[in-house]
């Protein structure tokens, strides 16, 4: 019997102890504006877009994300689960996506991630990655998850390496930046056989005070 092919991301909510990820909808734009207008998010080499100047900028981005579902990319809005030191329950803290779905090759891309600077260094990023990777590997059955970033984005590259992802190389002249220049992408991946080790590391980070 042939092995069962992976299934695309379901769109079901992904709920953890700290964050809840739900497919992005137009009403999320005002909350996401606080993230996409954060000037610190555009430091360290993030050059794929410019800081949003109005909610209309974010509404346009959200509309593109919602439309991308037809092409197989599921964008998620991240919210805090409960009141606490990170903020009130329901606060929008960022967004991320699963896309570039290839069920034949069992590949999916975890990317398009933006987290507000207030929540850097907290459990928000490791738990969101834990939820997305668990959905990709355990629920959907993918064999490889790609994670990539601009070679100039030192902060993002360090975060990906901390996940335990394997660096595969540089894809040159890969994507246009907001200023029209061409980005070289640093490509990493996690394979299904590596997932238990990566999961253990993420669980330890989420449990840390």
N, C-alpha and C. Protein backbone atom coordinates (compact mmCIF):
# COMPACT_ATOMS: atom_id res chain seq x y z
N UNK A 1 0.85 -1.19 0.00
CA UNK A 1 0.00 0.00 0.00
C UNK A 1 0.89 1.25 0.00
N UNK A 2 0.58 2.21 -0.87
CA UNK A 2 1.36 3.44 -0.96
C UNK A 2 1.15 4.26 0.31
N UNK A 3 2.21 4.96 0.75
CA UNK A 3 2.04 5.81 1.94
C UNK A 3 1.03 6.91 1.68
N UNK A 4 0.32 7.29 2.73
CA UNK A 4 -0.70 8.33 2.61
C UNK A 4 -0.04 9.68 2.42
N UNK A 5 -0.52 10.46 1.46
CA UNK A 5 0.02 11.79 1.20
C UNK A 5 -0.38 12.74 2.31
N UNK A 6 0.46 13.74 2.57
CA UNK A 6 0.09 14.75 3.58
C UNK A 6 -1.19 15.48 3.16
N UNK A 7 -1.82 16.09 4.14
CA UNK A 7 -2.99 16.92 3.88
C UNK A 7 -2.61 18.38 4.13
N UNK A 8 -3.16 19.32 3.38
CA UNK A 8 -2.85 20.73 3.60
C UNK A 8 -3.27 21.19 4.99
N UNK A 9 -2.72 22.30 5.47
CA UNK A 9 -3.14 22.84 6.77
C UNK A 9 -4.66 22.96 6.83
N UNK A 10 -5.21 22.58 7.96
CA UNK A 10 -6.66 22.46 8.07
C UNK A 10 -7.37 23.78 8.27
N UNK A 11 -6.67 24.77 8.82
CA UNK A 11 -7.33 26.03 9.17
C UNK A 11 -7.96 26.00 10.54
N UNK A 12 -7.82 24.90 11.26
CA UNK A 12 -8.34 24.84 12.63
C UNK A 12 -7.47 25.69 13.55
N UNK A 13 -8.04 26.24 14.63
CA UNK A 13 -7.23 26.99 15.59
C UNK A 13 -6.14 26.11 16.19
N UNK A 14 -4.98 26.71 16.44
CA UNK A 14 -3.86 26.04 17.10
C UNK A 14 -3.67 26.72 18.44
N UNK A 15 -3.93 25.99 19.51
CA UNK A 15 -4.01 26.63 20.82
C UNK A 15 -2.94 26.08 21.76
N UNK A 16 -2.17 26.98 22.36
CA UNK A 16 -1.17 26.61 23.34
C UNK A 16 -1.49 27.21 24.70
N UNK A 17 -0.49 27.23 25.55
CA UNK A 17 -0.66 27.80 26.88
C UNK A 17 -0.57 29.32 26.85
N UNK A 18 0.24 29.86 25.94
CA UNK A 18 0.50 31.30 25.88
C UNK A 18 -0.21 31.95 24.70
N UNK A 19 -0.16 31.30 23.53
CA UNK A 19 -0.73 31.90 22.33
C UNK A 19 -1.75 30.98 21.67
N UNK A 20 -2.63 31.62 20.93
CA UNK A 20 -3.64 30.94 20.13
C UNK A 20 -3.49 31.45 18.70
N UNK A 21 -3.39 30.55 17.73
CA UNK A 21 -3.25 30.92 16.33
C UNK A 21 -4.54 30.55 15.60
N UNK A 22 -5.12 31.53 14.92
CA UNK A 22 -6.32 31.31 14.14
C UNK A 22 -6.13 31.90 12.75
N UNK A 23 -6.73 31.30 11.72
CA UNK A 23 -6.59 31.86 10.38
C UNK A 23 -6.97 33.34 10.35
N UNK A 24 -6.13 34.12 9.68
CA UNK A 24 -6.33 35.56 9.62
C UNK A 24 -7.60 35.90 8.85
N UNK A 25 -8.36 36.86 9.39
CA UNK A 25 -9.58 37.36 8.76
C UNK A 25 -9.50 38.88 8.70
N UNK A 26 -10.31 39.53 7.85
CA UNK A 26 -10.21 40.98 7.70
C UNK A 26 -10.33 41.75 9.01
N UNK A 27 -11.13 41.27 9.96
CA UNK A 27 -11.30 41.99 11.22
C UNK A 27 -10.03 42.02 12.06
N UNK A 28 -9.03 41.24 11.69
CA UNK A 28 -7.77 41.23 12.45
C UNK A 28 -6.89 42.43 12.14
N UNK A 29 -7.20 43.18 11.09
CA UNK A 29 -6.30 44.25 10.63
C UNK A 29 -5.96 45.27 11.71
N UNK A 30 -6.92 45.79 12.50
CA UNK A 30 -6.53 46.78 13.51
C UNK A 30 -5.54 46.24 14.53
N UNK A 31 -5.72 45.01 14.98
CA UNK A 31 -4.77 44.44 15.92
C UNK A 31 -3.42 44.20 15.30
N UNK A 32 -3.40 43.72 14.06
CA UNK A 32 -2.14 43.47 13.38
C UNK A 32 -1.40 44.76 13.03
N UNK A 33 -2.14 45.87 12.89
CA UNK A 33 -1.50 47.14 12.59
C UNK A 33 -0.48 47.51 13.67
N UNK A 34 -0.80 47.22 14.93
CA UNK A 34 0.13 47.52 16.01
C UNK A 34 1.45 46.78 15.86
N UNK A 35 1.41 45.60 15.23
CA UNK A 35 2.63 44.83 14.98
C UNK A 35 3.35 45.35 13.75
N UNK A 36 2.62 45.51 12.66
CA UNK A 36 3.24 45.89 11.39
C UNK A 36 3.67 47.35 11.33
N UNK A 37 3.27 48.14 12.32
CA UNK A 37 3.74 49.53 12.40
C UNK A 37 4.87 49.69 13.41
N UNK A 38 5.28 48.61 14.04
CA UNK A 38 6.33 48.64 15.06
C UNK A 38 7.68 48.85 14.36
N UNK A 39 8.33 50.01 14.56
CA UNK A 39 9.58 50.26 13.81
C UNK A 39 10.70 49.28 14.14
N UNK A 40 10.71 48.71 15.34
CA UNK A 40 11.77 47.79 15.71
C UNK A 40 11.72 46.50 14.88
N UNK A 41 10.54 46.18 14.35
CA UNK A 41 10.41 44.96 13.54
C UNK A 41 11.15 45.08 12.21
N UNK A 42 11.51 46.30 11.84
CA UNK A 42 12.16 46.52 10.56
C UNK A 42 13.67 46.77 10.72
N UNK A 43 14.15 46.53 11.91
CA UNK A 43 15.59 46.59 12.16
C UNK A 43 16.20 45.20 11.92
N UNK A 44 17.49 45.10 12.06
CA UNK A 44 18.21 43.82 11.97
C UNK A 44 18.15 43.19 10.59
N UNK A 45 17.70 43.95 9.57
CA UNK A 45 17.75 43.42 8.21
C UNK A 45 16.44 42.95 7.64
N UNK A 46 15.29 43.21 8.31
CA UNK A 46 14.00 42.86 7.71
C UNK A 46 13.63 43.95 6.72
N UNK A 47 13.62 43.61 5.41
CA UNK A 47 13.42 44.61 4.37
C UNK A 47 12.37 44.19 3.36
N UNK A 48 11.51 43.25 3.73
CA UNK A 48 10.54 42.76 2.77
C UNK A 48 9.32 43.68 2.63
N UNK A 49 9.13 44.58 3.58
CA UNK A 49 8.08 45.58 3.47
C UNK A 49 8.49 46.78 4.31
N UNK A 50 7.75 47.86 4.17
CA UNK A 50 8.03 49.06 4.95
C UNK A 50 7.05 49.12 6.12
N UNK A 51 7.41 49.83 7.21
CA UNK A 51 6.46 49.95 8.33
C UNK A 51 5.12 50.50 7.87
N UNK A 52 4.05 49.91 8.36
CA UNK A 52 2.71 50.36 7.98
C UNK A 52 2.43 51.71 8.63
N UNK A 53 1.87 52.63 7.83
CA UNK A 53 1.59 53.98 8.32
C UNK A 53 0.14 54.16 8.74
N UNK A 54 -0.71 53.26 8.31
CA UNK A 54 -2.13 53.36 8.65
C UNK A 54 -2.74 51.97 8.65
N UNK A 55 -3.93 51.87 9.26
CA UNK A 55 -4.63 50.59 9.27
C UNK A 55 -4.94 50.14 7.84
N UNK A 56 -5.08 51.10 6.93
CA UNK A 56 -5.36 50.74 5.53
C UNK A 56 -4.23 49.90 4.94
N UNK A 57 -2.98 50.22 5.31
CA UNK A 57 -1.86 49.40 4.85
C UNK A 57 -2.02 47.95 5.31
N UNK A 58 -2.40 47.78 6.57
CA UNK A 58 -2.55 46.44 7.13
C UNK A 58 -3.77 45.74 6.54
N UNK A 59 -4.83 46.49 6.28
CA UNK A 59 -6.01 45.90 5.65
C UNK A 59 -5.66 45.33 4.27
N UNK A 60 -4.81 46.04 3.55
CA UNK A 60 -4.38 45.55 2.23
C UNK A 60 -3.58 44.27 2.36
N UNK A 61 -2.67 44.22 3.35
CA UNK A 61 -1.87 43.02 3.55
C UNK A 61 -2.75 41.84 3.98
N UNK A 62 -3.69 42.10 4.86
CA UNK A 62 -4.60 41.05 5.32
C UNK A 62 -5.43 40.51 4.17
N UNK A 63 -5.90 41.40 3.30
CA UNK A 63 -6.68 40.96 2.14
C UNK A 63 -5.86 40.03 1.26
N UNK A 64 -4.58 40.34 1.07
CA UNK A 64 -3.71 39.47 0.28
C UNK A 64 -3.52 38.12 0.97
N UNK A 65 -3.38 38.15 2.30
CA UNK A 65 -3.20 36.90 3.05
C UNK A 65 -4.43 36.02 2.96
N UNK A 66 -5.61 36.63 3.07
CA UNK A 66 -6.85 35.86 2.97
C UNK A 66 -6.99 35.27 1.56
N UNK A 67 -6.67 36.06 0.54
CA UNK A 67 -6.76 35.57 -0.84
C UNK A 67 -5.77 34.45 -1.11
N UNK A 68 -4.62 34.46 -0.40
CA UNK A 68 -3.58 33.45 -0.62
C UNK A 68 -4.02 32.06 -0.20
N UNK A 69 -5.11 31.96 0.56
CA UNK A 69 -5.59 30.63 0.95
C UNK A 69 -5.95 29.79 -0.27
N UNK A 70 -6.45 30.45 -1.30
CA UNK A 70 -6.81 29.72 -2.52
C UNK A 70 -5.59 29.10 -3.18
N UNK A 71 -4.41 29.68 -2.92
CA UNK A 71 -3.17 29.14 -3.48
C UNK A 71 -2.44 28.24 -2.49
N UNK A 72 -3.06 27.97 -1.34
CA UNK A 72 -2.49 27.01 -0.41
C UNK A 72 -1.71 27.58 0.74
N UNK A 73 -1.75 28.91 0.96
CA UNK A 73 -1.05 29.48 2.11
C UNK A 73 -2.07 29.86 3.16
N UNK A 74 -1.90 29.32 4.37
CA UNK A 74 -2.77 29.65 5.49
C UNK A 74 -2.05 30.61 6.41
N UNK A 75 -2.53 31.85 6.49
CA UNK A 75 -1.97 32.84 7.39
C UNK A 75 -2.69 32.78 8.73
N UNK A 76 -1.93 32.88 9.80
CA UNK A 76 -2.49 32.81 11.15
C UNK A 76 -2.21 34.12 11.90
N UNK A 77 -3.20 34.57 12.64
CA UNK A 77 -3.03 35.68 13.58
C UNK A 77 -2.80 35.10 14.96
N UNK A 78 -1.76 35.60 15.64
CA UNK A 78 -1.41 35.12 16.99
C UNK A 78 -2.02 36.04 18.04
N UNK A 79 -2.67 35.44 19.03
CA UNK A 79 -3.24 36.20 20.14
C UNK A 79 -2.83 35.56 21.47
N UNK A 80 -2.78 36.38 22.51
CA UNK A 80 -2.53 35.85 23.85
C UNK A 80 -3.74 35.07 24.33
N UNK A 81 -3.49 33.96 24.99
CA UNK A 81 -4.57 33.10 25.47
C UNK A 81 -5.22 33.66 26.72
N UNK A 82 -4.42 34.20 27.63
CA UNK A 82 -4.95 34.63 28.94
C UNK A 82 -4.31 35.93 29.38
N UNK A 83 -4.97 36.61 30.30
CA UNK A 83 -4.39 37.80 30.92
C UNK A 83 -3.11 37.42 31.64
N UNK A 84 -2.12 38.30 31.59
CA UNK A 84 -0.86 38.02 32.27
C UNK A 84 0.14 39.12 32.02
N UNK A 85 1.40 38.88 32.37
CA UNK A 85 2.43 39.90 32.20
C UNK A 85 2.68 40.27 30.74
N UNK A 86 2.30 39.41 29.80
CA UNK A 86 2.50 39.72 28.39
C UNK A 86 1.39 40.59 27.82
N UNK A 87 0.29 40.76 28.58
CA UNK A 87 -0.81 41.59 28.13
C UNK A 87 -2.15 40.93 28.36
N UNK A 88 -3.23 41.61 28.01
CA UNK A 88 -4.57 41.04 28.19
C UNK A 88 -4.86 39.91 27.21
N UNK A 89 -5.73 39.02 27.62
CA UNK A 89 -6.17 37.95 26.72
C UNK A 89 -6.74 38.54 25.44
N UNK A 90 -6.40 37.92 24.32
CA UNK A 90 -6.89 38.37 23.03
C UNK A 90 -6.01 39.38 22.33
N UNK A 91 -4.97 39.88 23.01
CA UNK A 91 -4.07 40.83 22.37
C UNK A 91 -3.38 40.19 21.17
N UNK A 92 -3.39 40.88 20.04
CA UNK A 92 -2.69 40.39 18.85
C UNK A 92 -1.20 40.66 19.02
N UNK A 93 -0.40 39.60 18.90
CA UNK A 93 1.05 39.73 19.12
C UNK A 93 1.86 39.46 17.86
N UNK A 94 1.22 38.97 16.79
CA UNK A 94 1.97 38.71 15.57
C UNK A 94 1.19 37.86 14.59
N UNK A 95 1.90 37.40 13.57
CA UNK A 95 1.30 36.55 12.56
C UNK A 95 2.36 35.63 11.97
N UNK A 96 1.90 34.54 11.38
CA UNK A 96 2.79 33.59 10.71
C UNK A 96 1.95 32.78 9.74
N UNK A 97 2.60 31.97 8.91
CA UNK A 97 1.87 31.23 7.87
C UNK A 97 2.51 29.88 7.60
N UNK A 98 1.69 28.98 7.07
CA UNK A 98 2.14 27.75 6.45
C UNK A 98 1.73 27.83 4.98
N UNK A 99 2.71 27.70 4.08
CA UNK A 99 2.41 27.85 2.66
C UNK A 99 3.34 27.03 1.79
N UNK A 100 3.33 27.32 0.49
CA UNK A 100 4.11 26.57 -0.49
C UNK A 100 3.90 25.06 -0.31
N UNK A 101 2.65 24.68 -0.15
CA UNK A 101 2.31 23.28 0.14
C UNK A 101 2.58 22.40 -1.07
N UNK A 102 3.34 21.34 -0.86
CA UNK A 102 3.63 20.35 -1.91
C UNK A 102 3.40 18.97 -1.30
N UNK A 103 2.20 18.41 -1.53
CA UNK A 103 1.86 17.13 -0.89
C UNK A 103 2.58 15.97 -1.54
N UNK A 104 3.02 16.11 -2.81
CA UNK A 104 3.75 15.04 -3.47
C UNK A 104 5.14 14.89 -2.87
N UNK A 105 5.83 16.00 -2.68
CA UNK A 105 7.18 15.97 -2.10
C UNK A 105 7.14 16.04 -0.57
N UNK A 106 5.94 16.20 0.00
CA UNK A 106 5.75 16.27 1.44
C UNK A 106 6.48 17.46 2.05
N UNK A 107 6.45 18.59 1.34
CA UNK A 107 7.11 19.82 1.78
C UNK A 107 6.09 20.89 2.13
N UNK A 108 6.43 21.72 3.12
CA UNK A 108 5.63 22.90 3.43
C UNK A 108 6.59 23.96 3.97
N UNK A 109 6.22 25.20 3.83
CA UNK A 109 7.07 26.33 4.22
C UNK A 109 6.43 27.04 5.40
N UNK A 110 7.16 27.15 6.50
CA UNK A 110 6.72 27.94 7.66
C UNK A 110 7.43 29.29 7.55
N UNK A 111 6.64 30.35 7.37
CA UNK A 111 7.27 31.65 7.18
C UNK A 111 6.28 32.79 7.28
N UNK A 112 6.67 33.93 6.65
CA UNK A 112 5.84 35.14 6.69
C UNK A 112 5.55 35.55 8.14
N UNK A 113 6.54 35.43 9.00
CA UNK A 113 6.34 35.64 10.44
C UNK A 113 6.71 37.05 10.85
N UNK A 114 5.88 37.66 11.66
CA UNK A 114 6.16 38.96 12.27
C UNK A 114 5.59 38.95 13.69
N UNK A 115 6.44 39.23 14.66
CA UNK A 115 6.02 39.30 16.06
C UNK A 115 6.41 40.67 16.60
N UNK A 116 5.50 41.32 17.29
CA UNK A 116 5.78 42.63 17.85
C UNK A 116 6.95 42.60 18.82
N UNK A 117 7.75 43.66 18.83
CA UNK A 117 8.99 43.67 19.62
C UNK A 117 8.74 43.52 21.11
N UNK A 118 7.56 43.91 21.57
CA UNK A 118 7.26 43.76 23.01
C UNK A 118 7.36 42.31 23.46
N UNK A 119 7.13 41.37 22.52
CA UNK A 119 7.07 39.95 22.89
C UNK A 119 8.30 39.18 22.46
N UNK A 120 9.33 39.87 21.99
CA UNK A 120 10.59 39.20 21.69
C UNK A 120 11.20 38.65 22.98
N UNK A 121 11.79 37.48 22.89
CA UNK A 121 12.43 36.88 24.05
C UNK A 121 11.47 36.26 25.04
N UNK A 122 10.18 36.18 24.69
CA UNK A 122 9.19 35.53 25.56
C UNK A 122 8.83 34.16 24.97
N UNK A 123 7.81 33.55 25.53
CA UNK A 123 7.37 32.24 25.02
C UNK A 123 6.57 32.34 23.73
N UNK A 124 6.27 33.56 23.27
CA UNK A 124 5.41 33.72 22.10
C UNK A 124 6.01 33.04 20.87
N UNK A 125 7.26 33.34 20.54
CA UNK A 125 7.83 32.75 19.33
C UNK A 125 8.02 31.23 19.45
N UNK A 126 8.66 30.72 20.52
CA UNK A 126 8.82 29.26 20.56
C UNK A 126 7.51 28.50 20.59
N UNK A 127 6.48 29.03 21.30
CA UNK A 127 5.23 28.29 21.32
C UNK A 127 4.51 28.37 19.98
N UNK A 128 4.57 29.51 19.32
CA UNK A 128 3.93 29.58 17.99
C UNK A 128 4.61 28.64 17.02
N UNK A 129 5.94 28.55 17.07
CA UNK A 129 6.65 27.60 16.21
C UNK A 129 6.30 26.17 16.59
N UNK A 130 6.18 25.89 17.87
CA UNK A 130 5.80 24.55 18.34
C UNK A 130 4.44 24.16 17.77
N UNK A 131 3.47 25.08 17.83
CA UNK A 131 2.13 24.79 17.35
C UNK A 131 2.11 24.58 15.83
N UNK A 132 2.82 25.43 15.10
CA UNK A 132 2.83 25.32 13.64
C UNK A 132 3.56 24.06 13.17
N UNK A 133 4.70 23.77 13.79
CA UNK A 133 5.44 22.57 13.41
C UNK A 133 4.67 21.30 13.78
N UNK A 134 4.03 21.30 14.94
CA UNK A 134 3.23 20.13 15.33
C UNK A 134 2.09 19.91 14.34
N UNK A 135 1.47 21.00 13.91
CA UNK A 135 0.39 20.86 12.92
C UNK A 135 0.94 20.30 11.61
N UNK A 136 2.11 20.83 11.17
CA UNK A 136 2.69 20.38 9.90
C UNK A 136 3.10 18.92 9.94
N UNK A 137 3.79 18.52 11.00
CA UNK A 137 4.31 17.15 11.07
C UNK A 137 3.27 16.16 11.60
N UNK A 138 2.64 16.46 12.73
CA UNK A 138 1.80 15.49 13.41
C UNK A 138 0.39 15.42 12.83
N UNK A 139 -0.18 16.58 12.52
CA UNK A 139 -1.57 16.60 12.02
C UNK A 139 -1.63 16.39 10.51
N UNK A 140 -0.75 17.08 9.78
CA UNK A 140 -0.83 17.07 8.32
C UNK A 140 0.04 15.99 7.67
N UNK A 141 1.12 15.56 8.36
CA UNK A 141 1.93 14.48 7.84
C UNK A 141 3.02 14.87 6.87
N UNK A 142 3.51 16.13 6.96
CA UNK A 142 4.60 16.54 6.08
C UNK A 142 5.93 15.94 6.53
N UNK A 143 6.85 15.81 5.58
CA UNK A 143 8.16 15.24 5.88
C UNK A 143 9.26 16.27 6.01
N UNK A 144 9.02 17.48 5.49
CA UNK A 144 10.04 18.54 5.53
C UNK A 144 9.35 19.89 5.68
N UNK A 145 9.83 20.68 6.62
CA UNK A 145 9.34 22.05 6.78
C UNK A 145 10.50 23.00 6.48
N UNK A 146 10.30 23.86 5.50
CA UNK A 146 11.31 24.86 5.15
C UNK A 146 11.08 26.13 5.96
N UNK A 147 12.18 26.73 6.43
CA UNK A 147 12.13 28.03 7.10
C UNK A 147 13.26 28.86 6.52
N UNK A 148 12.95 30.03 6.00
CA UNK A 148 14.00 30.82 5.36
C UNK A 148 13.86 32.29 5.72
N UNK A 149 14.92 33.06 5.45
CA UNK A 149 14.90 34.49 5.74
C UNK A 149 15.94 35.19 4.88
N UNK A 150 15.89 36.49 4.88
CA UNK A 150 16.87 37.30 4.17
C UNK A 150 18.25 37.08 4.80
N UNK A 151 19.26 36.95 3.95
CA UNK A 151 20.61 36.77 4.49
C UNK A 151 21.04 37.95 5.35
N UNK A 152 20.43 39.12 5.13
CA UNK A 152 20.78 40.30 5.92
C UNK A 152 20.09 40.33 7.29
N UNK A 153 19.08 39.49 7.46
CA UNK A 153 18.27 39.55 8.68
C UNK A 153 18.92 38.71 9.78
N UNK A 154 19.87 39.34 10.48
CA UNK A 154 20.66 38.62 11.48
C UNK A 154 19.78 38.08 12.61
N UNK A 155 18.80 38.85 13.03
CA UNK A 155 17.97 38.42 14.15
C UNK A 155 17.14 37.19 13.78
N UNK A 156 16.56 37.21 12.59
CA UNK A 156 15.75 36.08 12.16
C UNK A 156 16.61 34.84 11.95
N UNK A 157 17.80 35.00 11.38
CA UNK A 157 18.68 33.85 11.17
C UNK A 157 19.06 33.21 12.50
N UNK A 158 19.35 34.03 13.51
CA UNK A 158 19.69 33.49 14.82
C UNK A 158 18.51 32.74 15.44
N UNK A 159 17.30 33.27 15.25
CA UNK A 159 16.12 32.61 15.80
C UNK A 159 15.87 31.26 15.13
N UNK A 160 16.08 31.19 13.82
CA UNK A 160 15.88 29.93 13.11
C UNK A 160 16.90 28.89 13.56
N UNK A 161 18.15 29.32 13.71
CA UNK A 161 19.19 28.39 14.16
C UNK A 161 18.89 27.89 15.57
N UNK A 162 18.32 28.76 16.40
CA UNK A 162 18.00 28.35 17.77
C UNK A 162 16.90 27.28 17.80
N UNK A 163 16.07 27.26 16.77
CA UNK A 163 15.04 26.21 16.69
C UNK A 163 15.65 24.82 16.57
N UNK A 164 16.86 24.76 15.99
CA UNK A 164 17.45 23.48 15.68
C UNK A 164 17.29 23.10 14.22
N UNK A 165 16.85 24.06 13.40
CA UNK A 165 16.73 23.81 11.97
C UNK A 165 18.11 23.70 11.33
N UNK A 166 18.22 22.93 10.28
CA UNK A 166 19.49 22.70 9.57
C UNK A 166 19.64 23.70 8.43
N UNK A 167 20.77 24.38 8.38
CA UNK A 167 21.04 25.32 7.30
C UNK A 167 21.36 24.54 6.03
N UNK A 168 20.66 24.85 4.95
CA UNK A 168 20.83 24.15 3.69
C UNK A 168 21.64 24.93 2.67
N UNK A 169 21.63 26.26 2.78
CA UNK A 169 22.38 27.06 1.81
C UNK A 169 21.66 28.35 1.49
N UNK A 170 22.18 29.05 0.48
CA UNK A 170 21.66 30.34 0.07
C UNK A 170 21.00 30.22 -1.30
N UNK A 171 19.77 30.67 -1.39
CA UNK A 171 19.11 30.81 -2.69
C UNK A 171 19.33 32.25 -3.15
N UNK A 172 20.10 32.41 -4.20
CA UNK A 172 20.47 33.76 -4.63
C UNK A 172 19.38 34.40 -5.48
N UNK A 173 19.30 35.74 -5.37
CA UNK A 173 18.34 36.54 -6.14
C UNK A 173 16.95 35.90 -6.08
N UNK A 174 16.48 35.72 -4.86
CA UNK A 174 15.30 34.90 -4.63
C UNK A 174 13.99 35.69 -4.66
N UNK A 175 13.92 36.79 -3.91
CA UNK A 175 12.67 37.54 -3.75
C UNK A 175 12.99 39.04 -3.76
N UNK A 176 12.10 39.83 -4.32
CA UNK A 176 12.31 41.27 -4.28
C UNK A 176 12.01 41.84 -2.91
N UNK A 177 12.88 42.73 -2.46
CA UNK A 177 12.63 43.48 -1.23
C UNK A 177 11.72 44.67 -1.52
N UNK A 178 11.30 45.34 -0.44
CA UNK A 178 10.41 46.49 -0.59
C UNK A 178 11.05 47.60 -1.39
N UNK A 179 12.39 47.73 -1.33
CA UNK A 179 13.07 48.80 -2.06
C UNK A 179 13.39 48.43 -3.51
N UNK A 180 12.95 47.25 -3.95
CA UNK A 180 13.18 46.82 -5.32
C UNK A 180 14.43 45.98 -5.53
N UNK A 181 15.31 45.94 -4.53
CA UNK A 181 16.50 45.11 -4.65
C UNK A 181 16.13 43.64 -4.50
N UNK A 182 17.06 42.76 -4.92
CA UNK A 182 16.80 41.32 -4.84
C UNK A 182 17.41 40.73 -3.58
N UNK A 183 16.61 39.96 -2.90
CA UNK A 183 17.04 39.28 -1.66
C UNK A 183 17.68 37.94 -1.96
N UNK A 184 18.79 37.65 -1.29
CA UNK A 184 19.31 36.29 -1.19
C UNK A 184 18.70 35.68 0.06
N UNK A 185 18.19 34.46 -0.03
CA UNK A 185 17.52 33.82 1.10
C UNK A 185 18.38 32.73 1.73
N UNK A 186 18.50 32.79 3.05
CA UNK A 186 19.15 31.73 3.81
C UNK A 186 18.10 30.66 4.11
N UNK A 187 18.29 29.46 3.56
CA UNK A 187 17.29 28.40 3.63
C UNK A 187 17.67 27.38 4.69
N UNK A 188 16.72 27.08 5.57
CA UNK A 188 16.88 26.05 6.60
C UNK A 188 15.71 25.07 6.48
N UNK A 189 15.84 23.94 7.12
CA UNK A 189 14.73 22.98 7.13
C UNK A 189 14.78 22.13 8.38
N UNK A 190 13.62 21.54 8.67
CA UNK A 190 13.48 20.53 9.72
C UNK A 190 12.80 19.33 9.06
N UNK A 191 13.38 18.15 9.22
CA UNK A 191 12.79 16.93 8.68
C UNK A 191 11.99 16.22 9.75
N UNK A 192 11.08 15.37 9.32
CA UNK A 192 10.21 14.71 10.28
C UNK A 192 11.00 13.87 11.28
N UNK A 193 12.14 13.28 10.86
CA UNK A 193 12.95 12.49 11.79
C UNK A 193 13.63 13.36 12.84
N UNK A 194 13.79 14.66 12.53
CA UNK A 194 14.42 15.60 13.47
C UNK A 194 13.40 16.26 14.38
N UNK A 195 12.14 16.13 14.06
CA UNK A 195 11.09 16.82 14.78
C UNK A 195 11.05 16.48 16.27
N UNK A 196 11.20 15.23 16.71
CA UNK A 196 11.16 14.98 18.15
C UNK A 196 12.21 15.78 18.94
N UNK A 197 13.41 15.91 18.40
CA UNK A 197 14.45 16.67 19.09
C UNK A 197 14.10 18.16 19.09
N UNK A 198 13.64 18.66 17.96
CA UNK A 198 13.24 20.08 17.89
C UNK A 198 12.08 20.35 18.83
N UNK A 199 11.11 19.45 18.86
CA UNK A 199 9.95 19.62 19.74
C UNK A 199 10.37 19.67 21.20
N UNK A 200 11.29 18.79 21.60
CA UNK A 200 11.75 18.79 22.99
C UNK A 200 12.40 20.12 23.35
N UNK A 201 13.19 20.66 22.44
CA UNK A 201 13.81 21.94 22.70
C UNK A 201 12.81 23.07 22.83
N UNK A 202 11.80 23.06 21.97
CA UNK A 202 10.77 24.10 22.04
C UNK A 202 9.93 23.97 23.31
N UNK A 203 9.60 22.76 23.69
CA UNK A 203 8.84 22.55 24.93
C UNK A 203 9.62 23.08 26.13
N UNK A 204 10.92 22.87 26.14
CA UNK A 204 11.75 23.36 27.25
C UNK A 204 11.76 24.88 27.28
N UNK A 205 11.79 25.51 26.11
CA UNK A 205 11.80 26.98 26.06
C UNK A 205 10.44 27.54 26.50
N UNK A 206 9.36 26.90 26.11
CA UNK A 206 8.04 27.37 26.52
C UNK A 206 7.85 27.22 28.02
N UNK A 207 8.42 26.16 28.60
CA UNK A 207 8.26 25.92 30.04
C UNK A 207 9.16 26.81 30.89
N UNK A 208 10.17 27.40 30.28
CA UNK A 208 11.10 28.24 31.05
C UNK A 208 10.39 29.49 31.56
N UNK A 209 10.79 29.97 32.76
CA UNK A 209 10.15 31.17 33.29
C UNK A 209 10.51 32.40 32.46
